[in-house]
Amino acid sequence: MLFKNNDSPLSAVDAGKALYIGSDVVAPVIKKFKEHGLLLETTSGANLGVHSYQYAPVSESAKNTVNELERLYNQHRVAIINFIFSRGG
């Protein structure tokens, strides 16, 4: 949701800082989101030369899936977090 709710592109470093984790942890996740058509990569703007990413789902289906995941997470945050950690990550 970090990228979805941000009007400006974010680099892996910026995303890591916002999430209180290292950019080395964020970078592979960003790569997967880009590969699945959720993020658009850019090297323009304030971070010229730095790879930044903007939420830009490639299809209405992808956009609807993210919206549904956001809705479910907002309603069942604790249960989802417990489930994730019970599975070991």
C-alpha atoms as a PDB file:
ATOM      1  CA  MET A   1       0.000   0.000   0.000  1.00  0.00           C
ATOM      2  CA  LEU A   2       3.034   2.237   0.397  1.00  0.00           C
ATOM      3  CA  PHE A   3       3.318   2.726  -3.356  1.00  0.00           C
ATOM      4  CA  LYS A   4      -0.439   2.853  -3.935  1.00  0.00           C
ATOM      5  CA  ASN A   5      -0.925   5.704  -1.497  1.00  0.00           C
ATOM      6  CA  ASN A   6       2.058   7.780  -2.613  1.00  0.00           C
ATOM      7  CA  ASP A   7       1.753  10.365  -5.382  1.00  0.00           C
ATOM      8  CA  SER A   8       5.484  10.432  -6.094  1.00  0.00           C
ATOM      9  CA  PRO A   9       7.736   7.622  -7.307  1.00  0.00           C
ATOM     10  CA  LEU A  10       9.769   5.920  -4.562  1.00  0.00           C
ATOM     11  CA  SER A  11      13.193   4.326  -4.754  1.00  0.00           C
ATOM     12  CA  ALA A  12      14.004   1.102  -2.916  1.00  0.00           C
ATOM     13  CA  VAL A  13      15.898   3.221  -0.365  1.00  0.00           C
ATOM     14  CA  ASP A  14      12.873   5.507   0.162  1.00  0.00           C
ATOM     15  CA  ALA A  15      10.526   2.528   0.502  1.00  0.00           C
ATOM     16  CA  GLY A  16      12.890   0.830   2.939  1.00  0.00           C
ATOM     17  CA  LYS A  17      13.081   3.934   5.106  1.00  0.00           C
ATOM     18  CA  ALA A  18       9.289   4.257   5.159  1.00  0.00           C
ATOM     19  CA  LEU A  19       8.949   0.595   6.154  1.00  0.00           C
ATOM     20  CA  TYR A  20      11.891   0.635   8.605  1.00  0.00           C
ATOM     21  CA  ILE A  21      13.717  -2.114   6.706  1.00  0.00           C
ATOM     22  CA  GLY A  22      16.755  -2.214   4.467  1.00  0.00           C
ATOM     23  CA  SER A  23      16.561  -1.466   0.768  1.00  0.00           C
ATOM     24  CA  ASP A  24      18.182  -4.881   0.193  1.00  0.00           C
ATOM     25  CA  VAL A  25      15.006  -6.443   1.619  1.00  0.00           C
ATOM     26  CA  VAL A  26      12.668  -4.152  -0.329  1.00  0.00           C
ATOM     27  CA  ALA A  27      14.404  -4.384  -3.723  1.00  0.00           C
ATOM     28  CA  PRO A  28      13.448  -8.012  -4.531  1.00  0.00           C
ATOM     29  CA  VAL A  29       9.830  -7.344  -3.565  1.00  0.00           C
ATOM     30  CA  ILE A  30       9.749  -4.258  -5.770  1.00  0.00           C
ATOM     31  CA  LYS A  31      11.175  -6.339  -8.608  1.00  0.00           C
ATOM     32  CA  LYS A  32       8.374  -8.904  -8.212  1.00  0.00           C
ATOM     33  CA  PHE A  33       5.691  -6.202  -8.087  1.00  0.00           C
ATOM     34  CA  LYS A  34       7.152  -4.696 -11.273  1.00  0.00           C
ATOM     35  CA  GLU A  35       7.246  -8.104 -13.000  1.00  0.00           C
ATOM     36  CA  HIS A  36       3.591  -8.667 -12.080  1.00  0.00           C
ATOM     37  CA  GLY A  37       2.539  -5.316 -13.506  1.00  0.00           C
ATOM     38  CA  LEU A  38       1.845  -3.416 -10.312  1.00  0.00           C
ATOM     39  CA  LEU A  39       4.697  -0.895 -10.406  1.00  0.00           C
ATOM     40  CA  LEU A  40       6.094   1.263 -13.192  1.00  0.00           C
ATOM     41  CA  GLU A  41       9.827   1.949 -13.123  1.00  0.00           C
ATOM     42  CA  THR A  42      11.088   5.463 -13.808  1.00  0.00           C
ATOM     43  CA  THR A  43      14.430   7.241 -13.680  1.00  0.00           C
ATOM     44  CA  SER A  44      13.005  10.733 -14.022  1.00  0.00           C
ATOM     45  CA  GLY A  45      11.965  13.386 -11.550  1.00  0.00           C
ATOM     46  CA  ALA A  46      13.797  14.397  -8.390  1.00  0.00           C
ATOM     47  CA  ASN A  47      15.854  11.196  -8.311  1.00  0.00           C
ATOM     48  CA  LEU A  48      17.280  11.461 -11.829  1.00  0.00           C
ATOM     49  CA  GLY A  49      19.384   8.372 -12.482  1.00  0.00           C
ATOM     50  CA  VAL A  50      17.960   6.495  -9.504  1.00  0.00           C
ATOM     51  CA  HIS A  51      15.427   3.779 -10.231  1.00  0.00           C
ATOM     52  CA  SER A  52      12.125   4.779  -8.688  1.00  0.00           C
ATOM     53  CA  TYR A  53       8.746   3.114  -8.854  1.00  0.00           C
ATOM     54  CA  GLN A  54       5.168   4.320  -9.070  1.00  0.00           C
ATOM     55  CA  TYR A  55       1.995   2.303  -8.474  1.00  0.00           C
ATOM     56  CA  ALA A  56       0.547   1.687 -11.939  1.00  0.00           C
ATOM     57  CA  PRO A  57      -1.374  -1.583 -12.304  1.00  0.00           C
ATOM     58  CA  VAL A  58      -1.390  -2.819 -15.899  1.00  0.00           C
ATOM     59  CA  SER A  59      -4.971  -4.062 -15.783  1.00  0.00           C
ATOM     60  CA  GLU A  60      -8.260  -3.404 -14.084  1.00  0.00           C
ATOM     61  CA  SER A  61      -8.051  -6.931 -12.673  1.00  0.00           C
ATOM     62  CA  ALA A  62      -4.695  -6.198 -11.000  1.00  0.00           C
ATOM     63  CA  LYS A  63      -6.045  -2.924  -9.626  1.00  0.00           C
ATOM     64  CA  ASN A  64      -9.157  -4.666  -8.245  1.00  0.00           C
ATOM     65  CA  THR A  65      -7.027  -7.387  -6.629  1.00  0.00           C
ATOM     66  CA  VAL A  66      -4.868  -4.806  -4.852  1.00  0.00           C
ATOM     67  CA  ASN A  67      -7.972  -2.917  -3.715  1.00  0.00           C
ATOM     68  CA  GLU A  68      -9.482  -6.129  -2.317  1.00  0.00           C
ATOM     69  CA  LEU A  69      -6.243  -7.039  -0.539  1.00  0.00           C
ATOM     70  CA  GLU A  70      -6.139  -3.560   0.989  1.00  0.00           C
ATOM     71  CA  ARG A  71      -9.750  -3.876   2.161  1.00  0.00           C
ATOM     72  CA  LEU A  72      -9.122  -7.296   3.721  1.00  0.00           C
ATOM     73  CA  TYR A  73      -5.907  -6.158   5.385  1.00  0.00           C
ATOM     74  CA  ASN A  74      -7.630  -3.119   6.873  1.00  0.00           C
ATOM     75  CA  GLN A  75     -10.451  -5.303   8.270  1.00  0.00           C
ATOM     76  CA  HIS A  76      -8.330  -8.239   9.475  1.00  0.00           C
ATOM     77  CA  ARG A  77      -4.856  -6.809  10.051  1.00  0.00           C
ATOM     78  CA  VAL A  78      -3.982  -8.753  13.206  1.00  0.00           C
ATOM     79  CA  ALA A  79      -5.217 -12.088  11.844  1.00  0.00           C
ATOM     80  CA  ILE A  80      -3.271 -11.599   8.600  1.00  0.00           C
ATOM     81  CA  ILE A  81      -0.065 -10.635  10.417  1.00  0.00           C
ATOM     82  CA  ASN A  82      -0.423 -13.630  12.764  1.00  0.00           C
ATOM     83  CA  PHE A  83      -0.978 -15.930   9.776  1.00  0.00           C
ATOM     84  CA  ILE A  84       2.106 -14.601   7.963  1.00  0.00           C
ATOM     85  CA  PHE A  85       4.340 -15.042  11.015  1.00  0.00           C
ATOM     86  CA  SER A  86       2.909 -18.457  11.862  1.00  0.00           C
ATOM     87  CA  ARG A  87       4.076 -19.648   8.447  1.00  0.00           C
ATOM     88  CA  GLY A  88       7.629 -18.444   9.028  1.00  0.00           C
ATOM     89  CA  GLY A  89       7.564 -15.396   6.762  1.00  0.00           C
END
